[in-house]
Amino acid sequence: MDKESYLYVCNKMEEGREGVFVNHPATDEGGEVIECTGEQMIVRTSTGEERRWSYQECEETLSRREI
């Protein structure tokens, strides 16, 4: 994702909106964004694990069904 999309995702998450999801194609994982820090996102996967991914490696999804 590009920087503008990353900032949009982080703003949605910081506003308290639930369901801000991203995919990480390199690992074929996805999950809900729970924190943005620097140029990285902390994501809770569908298995409950937390991952830290660079925004450049991720794609925004529209819903949980896409991950």
C-alpha atoms as a PDB file:
ATOM      1  CA  MET A   1       0.000   0.000   0.000  1.00  0.00           C
ATOM      2  CA  ASP A   2       1.167   3.544  -0.527  1.00  0.00           C
ATOM      3  CA  LYS A   3       1.814   6.110   2.214  1.00  0.00           C
ATOM      4  CA  GLU A   4      -1.525   7.870   1.682  1.00  0.00           C
ATOM      5  CA  SER A   5      -3.455   4.616   2.116  1.00  0.00           C
ATOM      6  CA  TYR A   6      -1.388   3.784   5.199  1.00  0.00           C
ATOM      7  CA  LEU A   7      -2.249   7.122   6.797  1.00  0.00           C
ATOM      8  CA  TYR A   8      -5.922   6.600   5.951  1.00  0.00           C
ATOM      9  CA  VAL A   9      -5.913   3.111   7.543  1.00  0.00           C
ATOM     10  CA  CYS A  10      -4.178   4.459  10.669  1.00  0.00           C
ATOM     11  CA  ASN A  11      -6.602   7.363  10.964  1.00  0.00           C
ATOM     12  CA  LYS A  12      -9.577   4.997  10.754  1.00  0.00           C
ATOM     13  CA  MET A  13      -8.039   2.763  13.413  1.00  0.00           C
ATOM     14  CA  GLU A  14      -7.203   5.717  15.698  1.00  0.00           C
ATOM     15  CA  GLU A  15     -10.788   7.026  15.394  1.00  0.00           C
ATOM     16  CA  GLY A  16     -11.849   3.794  17.035  1.00  0.00           C
ATOM     17  CA  ARG A  17     -13.464   2.249  14.010  1.00  0.00           C
ATOM     18  CA  GLU A  18     -13.519  -1.497  14.243  1.00  0.00           C
ATOM     19  CA  GLY A  19     -12.682  -3.680  11.310  1.00  0.00           C
ATOM     20  CA  VAL A  20      -9.648  -2.021   9.755  1.00  0.00           C
ATOM     21  CA  PHE A  21      -8.061  -4.989   7.979  1.00  0.00           C
ATOM     22  CA  VAL A  22      -4.959  -5.532   5.867  1.00  0.00           C
ATOM     23  CA  ASN A  23      -3.411  -8.431   3.983  1.00  0.00           C
ATOM     24  CA  HIS A  24       0.283  -9.298   3.920  1.00  0.00           C
ATOM     25  CA  PRO A  25       0.784 -11.073   0.557  1.00  0.00           C
ATOM     26  CA  ALA A  26       4.357 -12.226   1.293  1.00  0.00           C
ATOM     27  CA  THR A  27       3.162 -14.453   4.142  1.00  0.00           C
ATOM     28  CA  ASP A  28      -0.416 -14.940   2.923  1.00  0.00           C
ATOM     29  CA  GLU A  29      -1.700 -13.631   6.263  1.00  0.00           C
ATOM     30  CA  GLY A  30      -4.093 -10.869   7.138  1.00  0.00           C
ATOM     31  CA  GLY A  31      -5.737  -9.326  10.138  1.00  0.00           C
ATOM     32  CA  GLU A  32      -7.055  -6.302  11.973  1.00  0.00           C
ATOM     33  CA  VAL A  33      -4.805  -3.282  12.476  1.00  0.00           C
ATOM     34  CA  ILE A  34      -4.481  -2.630  16.214  1.00  0.00           C
ATOM     35  CA  GLU A  35      -1.654  -0.079  16.188  1.00  0.00           C
ATOM     36  CA  CYS A  36       0.358   2.088  13.804  1.00  0.00           C
ATOM     37  CA  THR A  37       3.902   2.971  14.716  1.00  0.00           C
ATOM     38  CA  GLY A  38       6.315   4.789  12.454  1.00  0.00           C
ATOM     39  CA  GLU A  39       5.957   3.092   9.095  1.00  0.00           C
ATOM     40  CA  GLN A  40       4.703  -0.183  10.523  1.00  0.00           C
ATOM     41  CA  MET A  41       1.389  -1.640  11.574  1.00  0.00           C
ATOM     42  CA  ILE A  42       0.765  -4.113  14.346  1.00  0.00           C
ATOM     43  CA  VAL A  43      -1.855  -6.546  13.120  1.00  0.00           C
ATOM     44  CA  ARG A  44      -3.841  -9.189  15.009  1.00  0.00           C
ATOM     45  CA  THR A  45      -4.284 -12.179  12.714  1.00  0.00           C
ATOM     46  CA  SER A  46      -7.343 -14.409  12.540  1.00  0.00           C
ATOM     47  CA  THR A  47      -5.467 -16.899  14.763  1.00  0.00           C
ATOM     48  CA  GLY A  48      -4.987 -14.239  17.457  1.00  0.00           C
ATOM     49  CA  GLU A  49      -1.272 -13.719  16.849  1.00  0.00           C
ATOM     50  CA  GLU A  50       0.259 -10.253  16.528  1.00  0.00           C
ATOM     51  CA  ARG A  51       2.448  -9.351  13.586  1.00  0.00           C
ATOM     52  CA  ARG A  52       4.444  -6.196  12.794  1.00  0.00           C
ATOM     53  CA  TRP A  53       4.460  -5.339   9.099  1.00  0.00           C
ATOM     54  CA  SER A  54       5.746  -2.445   7.037  1.00  0.00           C
ATOM     55  CA  TYR A  55       2.903  -0.642   5.302  1.00  0.00           C
ATOM     56  CA  GLN A  56       4.689  -1.057   1.945  1.00  0.00           C
ATOM     57  CA  GLU A  57       4.281  -4.847   2.271  1.00  0.00           C
ATOM     58  CA  CYS A  58       0.523  -4.728   2.954  1.00  0.00           C
ATOM     59  CA  GLU A  59      -2.730  -4.271   1.088  1.00  0.00           C
ATOM     60  CA  GLU A  60      -5.842  -2.717   2.589  1.00  0.00           C
ATOM     61  CA  THR A  61      -8.921  -4.931   2.618  1.00  0.00           C
ATOM     62  CA  LEU A  62     -12.538  -3.898   2.822  1.00  0.00           C
ATOM     63  CA  SER A  63     -13.709  -6.515   5.282  1.00  0.00           C
ATOM     64  CA  ARG A  64     -12.762  -9.520   7.366  1.00  0.00           C
ATOM     65  CA  ARG A  65     -14.035 -11.796   4.565  1.00  0.00           C
ATOM     66  CA  GLU A  66     -11.139 -10.733   2.330  1.00  0.00           C
ATOM     67  CA  ILE A  67      -8.388 -11.921   4.684  1.00  0.00           C
END
